[in-house]
N, C-alpha and C. Protein backbone atom coordinates (compact mmCIF):
# COMPACT_ATOMS: atom_id res chain seq x y z
N UNK A 1 -23.45 91.44 -140.11
CA UNK A 1 -24.14 92.32 -140.89
C UNK A 1 -24.76 91.43 -142.39
N UNK A 2 -23.76 90.99 -143.03
CA UNK A 2 -23.89 89.95 -144.14
C UNK A 2 -24.88 88.51 -143.57
N UNK A 3 -24.65 88.21 -142.68
CA UNK A 3 -25.69 87.22 -141.99
C UNK A 3 -26.98 87.29 -142.02
N UNK A 4 -27.22 88.57 -141.74
CA UNK A 4 -29.02 88.94 -141.99
C UNK A 4 -29.07 89.02 -143.25
N UNK A 5 -28.49 89.26 -144.43
CA UNK A 5 -28.84 89.68 -145.85
C UNK A 5 -29.00 88.69 -146.58
N UNK A 6 -28.10 87.56 -146.19
CA UNK A 6 -27.91 86.47 -147.23
C UNK A 6 -28.53 85.08 -146.23
N UNK A 7 -29.60 84.45 -146.71
CA UNK A 7 -30.00 83.21 -145.69
C UNK A 7 -30.15 82.05 -146.98
N UNK A 8 -30.10 80.49 -146.41
CA UNK A 8 -30.60 79.46 -147.50
C UNK A 8 -32.12 79.63 -146.93
N UNK A 9 -32.63 79.06 -147.82
CA UNK A 9 -34.63 78.90 -147.69
C UNK A 9 -34.70 77.61 -148.35
N UNK A 10 -35.94 77.97 -148.33
CA UNK A 10 -36.90 76.44 -148.83
C UNK A 10 -37.82 77.05 -149.57
N UNK A 11 -38.33 76.69 -150.81
CA UNK A 11 -39.44 77.50 -151.40
C UNK A 11 -40.76 76.75 -151.15
N UNK A 12 -42.01 77.39 -150.26
CA UNK A 12 -43.07 76.44 -149.84
C UNK A 12 -44.29 76.50 -150.76
N UNK A 13 -44.00 77.97 -151.21
CA UNK A 13 -45.28 77.80 -152.49
C UNK A 13 -44.41 78.12 -153.77
N UNK A 14 -44.48 77.47 -154.78
CA UNK A 14 -44.05 78.30 -156.00
C UNK A 14 -44.83 79.49 -156.44
N UNK A 15 -45.71 79.44 -156.40
CA UNK A 15 -46.84 80.24 -157.22
C UNK A 15 -46.79 80.16 -158.51
N UNK A 16 -47.20 80.93 -158.96
CA UNK A 16 -46.96 80.75 -161.07
C UNK A 16 -46.92 81.82 -161.72
N UNK A 17 -46.04 81.98 -162.65
CA UNK A 17 -45.18 82.94 -163.56
C UNK A 17 -46.18 83.64 -164.44
N UNK A 18 -47.29 84.35 -163.97
CA UNK A 18 -48.28 85.03 -164.68
C UNK A 18 -48.39 86.49 -164.65
N UNK A 19 -47.42 86.92 -163.78
CA UNK A 19 -47.57 88.62 -163.47
C UNK A 19 -46.67 89.08 -163.89
N UNK A 20 -46.03 90.47 -163.91
CA UNK A 20 -45.44 91.19 -164.04
C UNK A 20 -44.01 90.96 -163.34
N UNK A 21 -44.14 90.66 -162.22
CA UNK A 21 -43.25 90.22 -161.07
C UNK A 21 -43.82 88.86 -160.63
N UNK A 22 -43.01 87.39 -160.90
CA UNK A 22 -43.89 86.67 -160.22
C UNK A 22 -43.19 86.00 -158.87
N UNK A 23 -44.00 85.92 -157.98
CA UNK A 23 -43.70 85.99 -156.42
C UNK A 23 -44.02 84.68 -156.05
N UNK A 24 -42.97 84.26 -154.99
CA UNK A 24 -43.69 82.39 -154.58
C UNK A 24 -43.24 82.92 -153.22
N UNK A 25 -43.23 81.82 -152.24
CA UNK A 25 -43.05 81.69 -150.75
C UNK A 25 -41.83 81.17 -150.53
N UNK A 26 -41.16 81.59 -149.64
CA UNK A 26 -40.26 80.79 -148.98
C UNK A 26 -40.30 80.83 -147.39
N UNK A 27 -39.43 80.02 -146.96
CA UNK A 27 -39.27 79.39 -145.51
C UNK A 27 -37.83 79.30 -144.97
N UNK A 28 -37.97 80.35 -143.84
CA UNK A 28 -36.19 80.09 -143.61
C UNK A 28 -36.33 80.55 -141.90
N UNK A 29 -35.99 79.75 -141.17
CA UNK A 29 -35.52 80.24 -139.49
C UNK A 29 -37.23 80.07 -139.06
N UNK A 30 -37.87 78.91 -139.58
CA UNK A 30 -39.46 79.31 -138.93
C UNK A 30 -40.33 80.71 -139.30
N UNK A 31 -39.93 81.10 -140.43
CA UNK A 31 -40.50 82.13 -141.16
C UNK A 31 -40.82 82.21 -142.40
N UNK A 32 -41.89 82.66 -143.13
CA UNK A 32 -42.60 82.48 -144.15
C UNK A 32 -43.16 84.16 -144.49
N UNK A 33 -42.28 83.79 -145.98
CA UNK A 33 -42.60 85.07 -146.46
C UNK A 33 -42.50 85.18 -148.04
N UNK A 34 -43.08 86.22 -148.47
CA UNK A 34 -43.43 86.33 -150.31
C UNK A 34 -41.43 86.94 -150.65
N UNK A 35 -41.45 86.45 -151.59
CA UNK A 35 -39.86 86.52 -152.21
C UNK A 35 -40.34 86.32 -153.85
N UNK A 36 -39.14 87.42 -154.25
CA UNK A 36 -39.09 87.39 -156.14
C UNK A 36 -38.02 86.75 -156.47
N UNK A 37 -38.26 85.82 -157.54
CA UNK A 37 -37.30 84.80 -158.00
C UNK A 37 -36.49 85.13 -158.99
N UNK A 38 -35.09 85.28 -158.81
CA UNK A 38 -34.10 86.27 -159.51
C UNK A 38 -33.35 84.89 -160.49
N UNK A 39 -33.45 85.39 -161.71
CA UNK A 39 -32.71 84.52 -162.58
C UNK A 39 -31.73 85.38 -163.61
N UNK A 40 -30.80 84.94 -164.44
CA UNK A 40 -29.96 85.96 -165.16
C UNK A 40 -31.00 85.68 -166.33
N UNK A 41 -30.81 86.93 -166.88
CA UNK A 41 -31.57 87.41 -168.50
C UNK A 41 -31.55 86.50 -169.51
N UNK A 42 -33.14 86.16 -169.61
CA UNK A 42 -32.92 85.46 -170.75
C UNK A 42 -33.64 83.69 -169.94
N UNK A 43 -33.46 83.57 -168.75
CA UNK A 43 -33.85 82.20 -168.52
C UNK A 43 -35.07 82.62 -167.29
N UNK A 44 -36.01 81.72 -167.45
CA UNK A 44 -37.10 81.71 -166.08
C UNK A 44 -37.89 80.42 -166.22
N UNK A 45 -38.22 80.31 -164.67
CA UNK A 45 -38.38 78.97 -164.14
C UNK A 45 -39.26 79.53 -162.84
N UNK A 46 -40.45 78.17 -162.83
CA UNK A 46 -40.94 78.26 -161.49
C UNK A 46 -40.22 77.19 -160.47
N UNK A 47 -39.65 77.28 -159.41
CA UNK A 47 -39.07 75.79 -159.20
C UNK A 47 -39.89 75.15 -158.13
N UNK A 48 -39.59 73.95 -158.07
CA UNK A 48 -40.70 73.18 -157.49
C UNK A 48 -40.67 73.51 -155.84
N UNK A 49 -41.63 72.91 -155.41
CA UNK A 49 -42.16 73.13 -153.96
C UNK A 49 -40.97 72.76 -153.50
N UNK A 50 -40.32 72.48 -152.31
CA UNK A 50 -38.78 72.04 -151.54
C UNK A 50 -37.72 72.51 -151.80
N UNK A 51 -37.56 73.21 -153.32
CA UNK A 51 -36.44 73.72 -153.88
C UNK A 51 -35.74 74.84 -152.96
N UNK A 52 -34.43 74.17 -152.68
CA UNK A 52 -33.72 75.14 -152.36
C UNK A 52 -33.16 76.65 -152.95
N UNK A 53 -33.37 77.27 -152.19
CA UNK A 53 -32.89 78.77 -152.69
C UNK A 53 -32.35 79.72 -151.92
N UNK A 54 -30.98 80.68 -152.41
CA UNK A 54 -30.79 81.49 -151.29
C UNK A 54 -31.02 82.52 -151.50
N UNK A 55 -32.00 83.41 -150.58
CA UNK A 55 -32.64 84.25 -149.99
C UNK A 55 -31.70 86.11 -149.68
N UNK A 56 -31.88 87.17 -150.54
CA UNK A 56 -31.01 88.41 -150.29
C UNK A 56 -32.09 89.09 -149.93
N UNK A 57 -31.75 89.83 -148.70
CA UNK A 57 -32.48 91.33 -148.48
C UNK A 57 -31.77 92.60 -148.55
N UNK A 58 -32.09 93.02 -149.75
CA UNK A 58 -31.23 94.34 -149.66
C UNK A 58 -31.78 95.15 -148.69
N UNK A 59 -30.58 96.31 -148.54
CA UNK A 59 -30.94 96.71 -146.87
C UNK A 59 -31.21 96.40 -146.01
N UNK A 60 -30.97 94.88 -145.75
CA UNK A 60 -31.36 94.42 -144.63
C UNK A 60 -33.07 94.20 -144.26
N UNK A 61 -33.67 94.64 -145.40
CA UNK A 61 -35.31 94.79 -144.82
C UNK A 61 -35.96 93.62 -144.98
N UNK A 62 -36.31 92.96 -144.23
CA UNK A 62 -36.83 91.14 -144.64
C UNK A 62 -37.87 91.08 -145.40
N UNK A 63 -38.50 92.49 -145.46
CA UNK A 63 -39.84 92.45 -146.23
C UNK A 63 -39.64 92.66 -147.86
N UNK A 64 -38.19 93.26 -148.09
CA UNK A 64 -37.76 93.29 -149.54
C UNK A 64 -36.72 91.84 -149.89
N UNK A 65 -37.61 90.74 -150.46
CA UNK A 65 -36.60 89.45 -150.41
C UNK A 65 -36.87 89.22 -151.87
N UNK A 66 -35.19 89.02 -152.51
CA UNK A 66 -35.21 88.16 -153.41
C UNK A 66 -34.47 86.71 -153.52
N UNK A 67 -34.76 86.19 -154.28
CA UNK A 67 -34.13 84.58 -153.92
C UNK A 67 -33.67 83.93 -155.18
N UNK A 68 -33.10 83.30 -155.27
CA UNK A 68 -32.03 82.85 -156.54
C UNK A 68 -32.27 80.88 -156.23
N UNK A 69 -33.12 80.45 -156.79
CA UNK A 69 -33.69 79.26 -156.50
C UNK A 69 -32.36 78.44 -157.58
N UNK A 70 -32.34 77.21 -156.49
CA UNK A 70 -31.18 76.36 -157.09
C UNK A 70 -31.94 74.66 -157.13
N UNK A 71 -31.18 73.98 -157.29
CA UNK A 71 -31.44 72.17 -157.41
C UNK A 71 -30.41 71.57 -156.85
N UNK A 72 -29.69 71.82 -156.10
CA UNK A 72 -28.29 71.36 -156.23
C UNK A 72 -28.41 69.77 -155.51
N UNK A 73 -29.32 69.40 -155.03
CA UNK A 73 -29.77 67.91 -155.05
C UNK A 73 -29.89 67.18 -155.57
N UNK A 74 -30.37 67.64 -157.11
CA UNK A 74 -31.41 67.32 -158.18
C UNK A 74 -30.51 67.77 -159.43
N UNK A 75 -29.55 67.68 -159.39
CA UNK A 75 -28.30 68.18 -160.53
C UNK A 75 -27.95 67.31 -161.69
N UNK A 76 -27.88 67.61 -162.33
CA UNK A 76 -27.02 66.86 -163.60
C UNK A 76 -25.63 67.15 -163.33
N UNK A 77 -24.55 66.02 -163.18
CA UNK A 77 -23.20 66.01 -162.96
C UNK A 77 -22.78 66.12 -164.40
N UNK A 78 -21.78 66.89 -164.28
CA UNK A 78 -21.17 67.77 -165.77
C UNK A 78 -19.64 67.45 -165.26
N UNK A 79 -18.99 67.53 -166.50
CA UNK A 79 -17.47 67.27 -166.55
C UNK A 79 -16.67 68.89 -166.67
N UNK A 80 -15.98 69.11 -166.70
CA UNK A 80 -15.04 70.46 -166.48
C UNK A 80 -15.30 71.05 -167.78
N UNK A 81 -15.77 72.21 -167.84
CA UNK A 81 -15.88 72.73 -169.10
C UNK A 81 -17.61 72.53 -170.10
N UNK A 82 -18.30 72.33 -168.94
CA UNK A 82 -19.49 71.96 -169.69
C UNK A 82 -20.44 72.58 -168.84
N UNK A 83 -21.71 72.75 -169.41
CA UNK A 83 -22.47 73.57 -168.85
C UNK A 83 -24.03 72.49 -169.26
N UNK A 84 -25.02 72.44 -168.45
CA UNK A 84 -26.11 72.14 -168.69
C UNK A 84 -27.41 72.66 -168.51
N UNK A 85 -28.33 72.79 -169.37
CA UNK A 85 -29.78 73.40 -168.59
C UNK A 85 -30.86 72.34 -168.43
N UNK A 86 -31.35 71.92 -167.23
CA UNK A 86 -31.70 71.02 -167.18
C UNK A 86 -33.27 71.04 -166.03
N UNK A 87 -33.69 70.16 -166.81
CA UNK A 87 -35.28 70.07 -166.13
C UNK A 87 -35.63 68.78 -165.01
N UNK A 88 -35.30 69.54 -163.76
CA UNK A 88 -35.33 68.01 -162.64
C UNK A 88 -36.81 67.46 -162.48
N UNK A 89 -37.86 68.09 -163.07
CA UNK A 89 -38.72 66.78 -162.63
C UNK A 89 -38.95 65.88 -164.05
N UNK A 90 -38.71 66.67 -165.38
CA UNK A 90 -38.85 65.20 -166.24
C UNK A 90 -37.27 64.59 -166.93
N UNK A 91 -36.21 65.62 -166.32
CA UNK A 91 -34.78 65.05 -166.60
C UNK A 91 -34.33 65.32 -168.20
N UNK A 92 -35.55 66.23 -168.93
CA UNK A 92 -34.58 66.83 -170.13
C UNK A 92 -33.60 67.99 -169.40
N UNK A 93 -32.82 67.72 -170.70
CA UNK A 93 -31.64 68.37 -170.90
C UNK A 93 -31.12 68.48 -172.16
N UNK A 94 -30.21 69.86 -171.95
CA UNK A 94 -29.72 70.58 -173.05
C UNK A 94 -28.15 70.58 -172.64
N UNK A 95 -27.06 69.59 -173.23
CA UNK A 95 -26.04 69.37 -172.65
C UNK A 95 -24.87 70.17 -173.42
N UNK A 96 -24.21 70.90 -172.73
CA UNK A 96 -22.50 71.79 -174.15
C UNK A 96 -21.99 71.05 -173.61
N UNK A 97 -21.40 70.14 -174.17
CA UNK A 97 -19.83 69.42 -173.90
C UNK A 97 -18.57 70.22 -174.14
N UNK A 98 -17.44 70.37 -173.69
CA UNK A 98 -16.58 70.81 -173.47
C UNK A 98 -16.14 70.82 -175.11
N UNK A 99 -16.11 69.74 -175.82
CA UNK A 99 -15.58 69.80 -177.24
C UNK A 99 -16.52 70.40 -178.35
N UNK A 100 -17.42 70.82 -177.75
CA UNK A 100 -18.54 71.78 -178.73
C UNK A 100 -19.81 71.19 -179.05
N UNK A 101 -19.82 69.68 -179.07
CA UNK A 101 -20.79 68.92 -178.97
C UNK A 101 -21.95 69.24 -178.42
N UNK A 102 -23.52 69.68 -178.65
CA UNK A 102 -24.75 69.76 -177.92
C UNK A 102 -25.51 68.54 -178.09
N UNK A 103 -25.84 68.02 -176.82
CA UNK A 103 -26.54 66.95 -176.88
C UNK A 103 -28.17 67.15 -176.19
N UNK A 104 -29.18 67.17 -176.82
CA UNK A 104 -30.57 67.40 -176.63
C UNK A 104 -31.03 66.06 -176.39
N UNK A 105 -31.45 66.09 -175.01
CA UNK A 105 -32.55 64.85 -174.42
C UNK A 105 -33.99 65.17 -173.68
N UNK A 106 -34.64 64.54 -174.60
CA UNK A 106 -36.43 64.97 -174.12
C UNK A 106 -36.99 63.31 -173.84
N UNK A 107 -37.78 63.27 -172.87
CA UNK A 107 -38.56 62.21 -172.27
C UNK A 107 -39.45 61.75 -173.37
N UNK A 108 -40.16 63.17 -173.88
CA UNK A 108 -41.13 63.16 -174.81
C UNK A 108 -41.05 63.37 -176.44
N UNK A 109 -40.40 64.52 -176.66
CA UNK A 109 -40.30 64.77 -178.14
C UNK A 109 -39.50 66.24 -177.90
N UNK A 110 -38.84 66.58 -178.74
CA UNK A 110 -38.30 68.21 -178.95
C UNK A 110 -39.08 68.99 -179.95
N UNK A 111 -39.83 69.81 -180.20
CA UNK A 111 -40.67 70.79 -181.30
C UNK A 111 -39.60 71.75 -181.43
N UNK A 112 -39.91 72.03 -182.85
CA UNK A 112 -38.91 73.49 -183.31
C UNK A 112 -40.05 73.63 -183.77
N UNK A 113 -40.16 75.16 -183.89
CA UNK A 113 -41.46 76.22 -184.39
C UNK A 113 -40.71 77.17 -185.18
N UNK A 114 -40.35 76.98 -186.80
CA UNK A 114 -39.91 78.28 -187.17
C UNK A 114 -40.72 78.45 -188.66
N UNK A 115 -40.25 79.42 -189.20
CA UNK A 115 -40.94 79.22 -190.89
C UNK A 115 -39.87 78.64 -191.54
N UNK A 116 -38.58 78.59 -191.24
CA UNK A 116 -37.32 77.93 -191.92
C UNK A 116 -36.28 77.46 -191.02
N UNK A 117 -36.28 75.95 -191.32
CA UNK A 117 -35.64 75.38 -190.32
C UNK A 117 -34.34 74.72 -191.29
N UNK A 118 -32.97 75.62 -190.98
CA UNK A 118 -31.94 74.96 -191.97
C UNK A 118 -30.88 74.18 -191.11
N UNK A 119 -30.43 72.84 -191.71
CA UNK A 119 -29.47 72.45 -190.97
C UNK A 119 -28.23 72.42 -192.22
N UNK A 120 -27.02 72.90 -191.48
CA UNK A 120 -26.00 72.80 -192.47
C UNK A 120 -25.45 72.06 -192.04
N UNK A 121 -24.82 71.00 -192.94
CA UNK A 121 -23.91 69.72 -192.38
C UNK A 121 -24.52 68.30 -192.87
N UNK A 122 -24.11 67.23 -192.70
CA UNK A 122 -24.68 66.05 -192.58
C UNK A 122 -26.03 65.98 -191.68
N UNK A 123 -26.90 65.27 -191.52
CA UNK A 123 -28.02 64.81 -190.96
C UNK A 123 -28.18 63.11 -190.98
N UNK A 124 -28.06 62.86 -190.00
CA UNK A 124 -28.18 61.42 -189.59
C UNK A 124 -29.11 61.03 -188.67
N UNK A 125 -30.41 60.39 -189.07
CA UNK A 125 -31.13 59.90 -188.71
C UNK A 125 -31.44 58.68 -188.10
N UNK A 126 -31.67 58.22 -187.13
CA UNK A 126 -32.15 56.79 -186.91
C UNK A 126 -33.55 57.21 -186.42
N UNK A 127 -34.28 56.03 -186.86
CA UNK A 127 -36.18 56.06 -186.80
C UNK A 127 -36.38 56.64 -188.01
N UNK A 128 -38.07 56.86 -187.83
CA UNK A 128 -38.55 57.00 -188.91
C UNK A 128 -38.34 58.81 -189.01
N UNK A 129 -38.92 59.43 -190.66
CA UNK A 129 -39.22 60.71 -190.48
C UNK A 129 -40.57 60.65 -191.48
N UNK A 130 -41.49 61.28 -190.91
CA UNK A 130 -42.61 61.69 -191.29
C UNK A 130 -42.37 62.94 -192.26
N UNK A 131 -42.98 63.25 -192.82
CA UNK A 131 -43.19 64.66 -194.04
C UNK A 131 -44.38 64.50 -194.34
N UNK A 132 -45.39 66.30 -193.82
CA UNK A 132 -46.18 66.06 -194.31
C UNK A 132 -46.00 67.38 -195.49
N UNK A 133 -46.43 67.14 -196.66
CA UNK A 133 -46.29 68.21 -197.35
C UNK A 133 -45.33 67.60 -198.65
N UNK A 134 -44.58 68.64 -199.46
CA UNK A 134 -43.28 68.04 -200.21
C UNK A 134 -42.15 68.44 -199.50
N UNK A 135 -41.23 67.41 -200.64
CA UNK A 135 -39.97 67.50 -199.83
C UNK A 135 -38.78 67.56 -201.23
N UNK A 136 -38.31 68.46 -201.26
CA UNK A 136 -37.45 68.47 -202.39
C UNK A 136 -36.06 68.22 -202.38
N UNK A 137 -35.51 67.85 -203.42
CA UNK A 137 -33.85 66.84 -203.05
C UNK A 137 -33.06 67.47 -204.14
N UNK A 138 -32.05 68.21 -203.84
CA UNK A 138 -31.08 68.70 -204.58
C UNK A 138 -29.74 67.75 -204.58
N UNK A 139 -29.35 67.53 -205.47
CA UNK A 139 -28.86 66.11 -205.64
C UNK A 139 -28.81 64.99 -205.69
N UNK A 140 -28.07 64.16 -205.37
CA UNK A 140 -28.49 62.51 -205.28
C UNK A 140 -29.35 62.07 -203.89
N UNK A 141 -30.26 61.26 -204.29
CA UNK A 141 -30.94 60.53 -202.97
C UNK A 141 -30.69 59.06 -203.06
N UNK A 142 -30.38 58.42 -202.14
CA UNK A 142 -29.96 57.02 -201.82
C UNK A 142 -30.77 56.58 -200.54
N UNK A 143 -31.40 55.47 -201.39
CA UNK A 143 -32.36 54.79 -200.10
C UNK A 143 -31.90 53.39 -200.13
N UNK A 144 -31.34 52.66 -198.52
CA UNK A 144 -31.60 51.67 -198.53
C UNK A 144 -32.67 50.68 -198.18
N UNK A 145 -34.09 51.23 -198.37
CA UNK A 145 -35.39 50.54 -197.82
C UNK A 145 -36.15 50.79 -198.83
N UNK A 146 -37.44 49.99 -198.63
CA UNK A 146 -38.55 50.50 -199.47
C UNK A 146 -39.07 51.54 -199.49
N UNK A 147 -39.61 51.97 -200.64
CA UNK A 147 -40.37 53.54 -201.09
C UNK A 147 -41.34 53.29 -201.53
N UNK A 148 -42.54 53.29 -200.43
CA UNK A 148 -44.11 53.10 -200.87
C UNK A 148 -44.93 53.97 -201.24
N UNK A 149 -45.68 54.14 -201.61
CA UNK A 149 -46.64 55.21 -201.97
C UNK A 149 -47.69 54.74 -200.80
N UNK A 150 -49.05 55.70 -200.79
CA UNK A 150 -50.27 55.29 -199.97
C UNK A 150 -51.21 54.59 -200.45
N UNK A 151 -50.64 53.89 -201.52
CA UNK A 151 -51.42 52.77 -201.96
C UNK A 151 -50.76 51.33 -201.34
N UNK A 152 -49.18 51.58 -200.93
CA UNK A 152 -48.82 50.44 -200.67
C UNK A 152 -47.67 50.00 -201.60
N UNK A 153 -47.41 50.67 -202.88
CA UNK A 153 -46.97 50.34 -204.09
C UNK A 153 -45.61 50.40 -203.94
N UNK A 154 -44.58 49.54 -203.67
CA UNK A 154 -43.04 49.73 -203.64
C UNK A 154 -42.39 50.11 -204.79
N UNK A 155 -42.16 51.02 -204.71
CA UNK A 155 -41.38 52.05 -205.76
C UNK A 155 -40.09 51.24 -206.35
N UNK A 156 -39.42 50.91 -205.48
CA UNK A 156 -37.79 50.07 -205.59
C UNK A 156 -38.10 48.88 -206.69
N UNK A 157 -39.16 47.78 -206.17
CA UNK A 157 -39.32 46.50 -206.67
C UNK A 157 -40.47 46.42 -208.02
N UNK A 158 -40.95 47.02 -208.14
CA UNK A 158 -42.69 47.14 -208.53
C UNK A 158 -42.26 47.28 -210.16
N UNK A 159 -42.76 46.39 -210.58
CA UNK A 159 -42.97 46.24 -212.22
C UNK A 159 -44.38 46.77 -213.03
N UNK A 160 -44.05 47.55 -214.19
CA UNK A 160 -44.74 47.97 -214.93
C UNK A 160 -45.23 47.12 -216.09
N UNK A 161 -46.64 46.71 -216.44
CA UNK A 161 -46.91 46.30 -217.76
C UNK A 161 -46.98 46.93 -218.84
N UNK A 162 -46.36 46.80 -219.68
CA UNK A 162 -46.75 47.77 -221.10
C UNK A 162 -46.63 46.93 -222.22
N UNK A 163 -47.19 47.48 -223.56
CA UNK A 163 -47.41 46.58 -224.60
C UNK A 163 -46.86 47.84 -225.68
N UNK A 164 -45.64 47.20 -226.30
CA UNK A 164 -44.97 48.18 -227.04
C UNK A 164 -45.18 47.47 -228.59
N UNK A 165 -45.44 45.83 -228.59
CA UNK A 165 -45.51 45.62 -230.20
C UNK A 165 -46.99 44.36 -230.06
N UNK A 166 -47.64 44.91 -229.45
CA UNK A 166 -48.57 43.62 -229.66
C UNK A 166 -48.95 42.73 -228.49
N UNK A 167 -47.75 42.58 -227.76
CA UNK A 167 -47.62 41.90 -226.54
C UNK A 167 -47.26 42.36 -225.03
N UNK A 168 -47.85 41.95 -224.23
CA UNK A 168 -47.86 42.34 -223.12
C UNK A 168 -46.23 42.28 -222.15
N UNK A 169 -45.60 43.26 -221.55
CA UNK A 169 -44.03 42.79 -220.86
C UNK A 169 -44.14 43.47 -219.65
N UNK A 170 -43.40 42.40 -218.75
CA UNK A 170 -43.02 43.34 -217.56
C UNK A 170 -41.83 44.28 -217.57
N UNK A 171 -41.77 45.17 -217.44
CA UNK A 171 -40.56 46.10 -216.70
C UNK A 171 -39.77 45.97 -215.46
N UNK A 172 -38.69 45.82 -215.22
CA UNK A 172 -37.69 45.53 -214.06
C UNK A 172 -37.82 47.18 -213.60
N UNK A 173 -37.43 47.35 -212.40
CA UNK A 173 -37.50 48.82 -211.55
C UNK A 173 -36.01 49.34 -212.34
N UNK A 174 -36.18 50.75 -212.32
CA UNK A 174 -34.80 50.96 -212.82
C UNK A 174 -33.59 51.25 -212.53
N UNK A 175 -32.45 50.66 -213.38
CA UNK A 175 -31.14 49.86 -212.37
C UNK A 175 -30.57 51.53 -212.73
N UNK A 176 -29.41 51.52 -211.76
CA UNK A 176 -28.78 52.98 -211.49
C UNK A 176 -27.22 52.45 -212.91
N UNK A 177 -27.26 53.53 -213.05
CA UNK A 177 -26.48 53.57 -214.29
C UNK A 177 -24.98 53.07 -213.98
C-alpha cells in the first residue's frame, strides 16, 4: 500500500510560482502529472527541470499529488551539526556552522534592505566601502590610508597656506596628540 503512496519522480516542467498554489509537472513510471511542491513553512522555491522529487499521493489518489523537491545530486557537503541553504544554479549559499559562525557566499552581491541595519560588534571589511549620504562616527576613527574628497584633495597629507604676520606659511597636517 505505501508503495503506491510514495514514489521518486523527476520534475519535468517546474512551472512558475505566481499562483496561490504553485503547480509543476512530475514524471514517474512513464506517467506525467501535475503536482504541488511542498516546502517547510517560510521556504519557497521553484526546482530546476530534472530535479529529483518525492511524490506523495494522499489517500492513494494519483490525481492528488504533492511532492518534496530535492537536489541530492547537487548538494553542498556539510559537517556534522551544520545546516546550509543553497541555490544549485548560482551556488550561492548561507552556511550555519556548528561553532555558531554564519558564512554567506554569493557569486554577484548580497543586498540588505531595511530602514535601519545594525551591526553589534566589530566590523572587519576587506575591500572598498562606498557611502552615499552622511556618515556619523561616535568615538575615534583611525584611517591607515589616504582620505580624499571629491576634488581629489588628500586630507591626510595636504597643507594649508595662511598668512599670520604678513608672510605666507604652509601648515603640516594635524598631528595626533
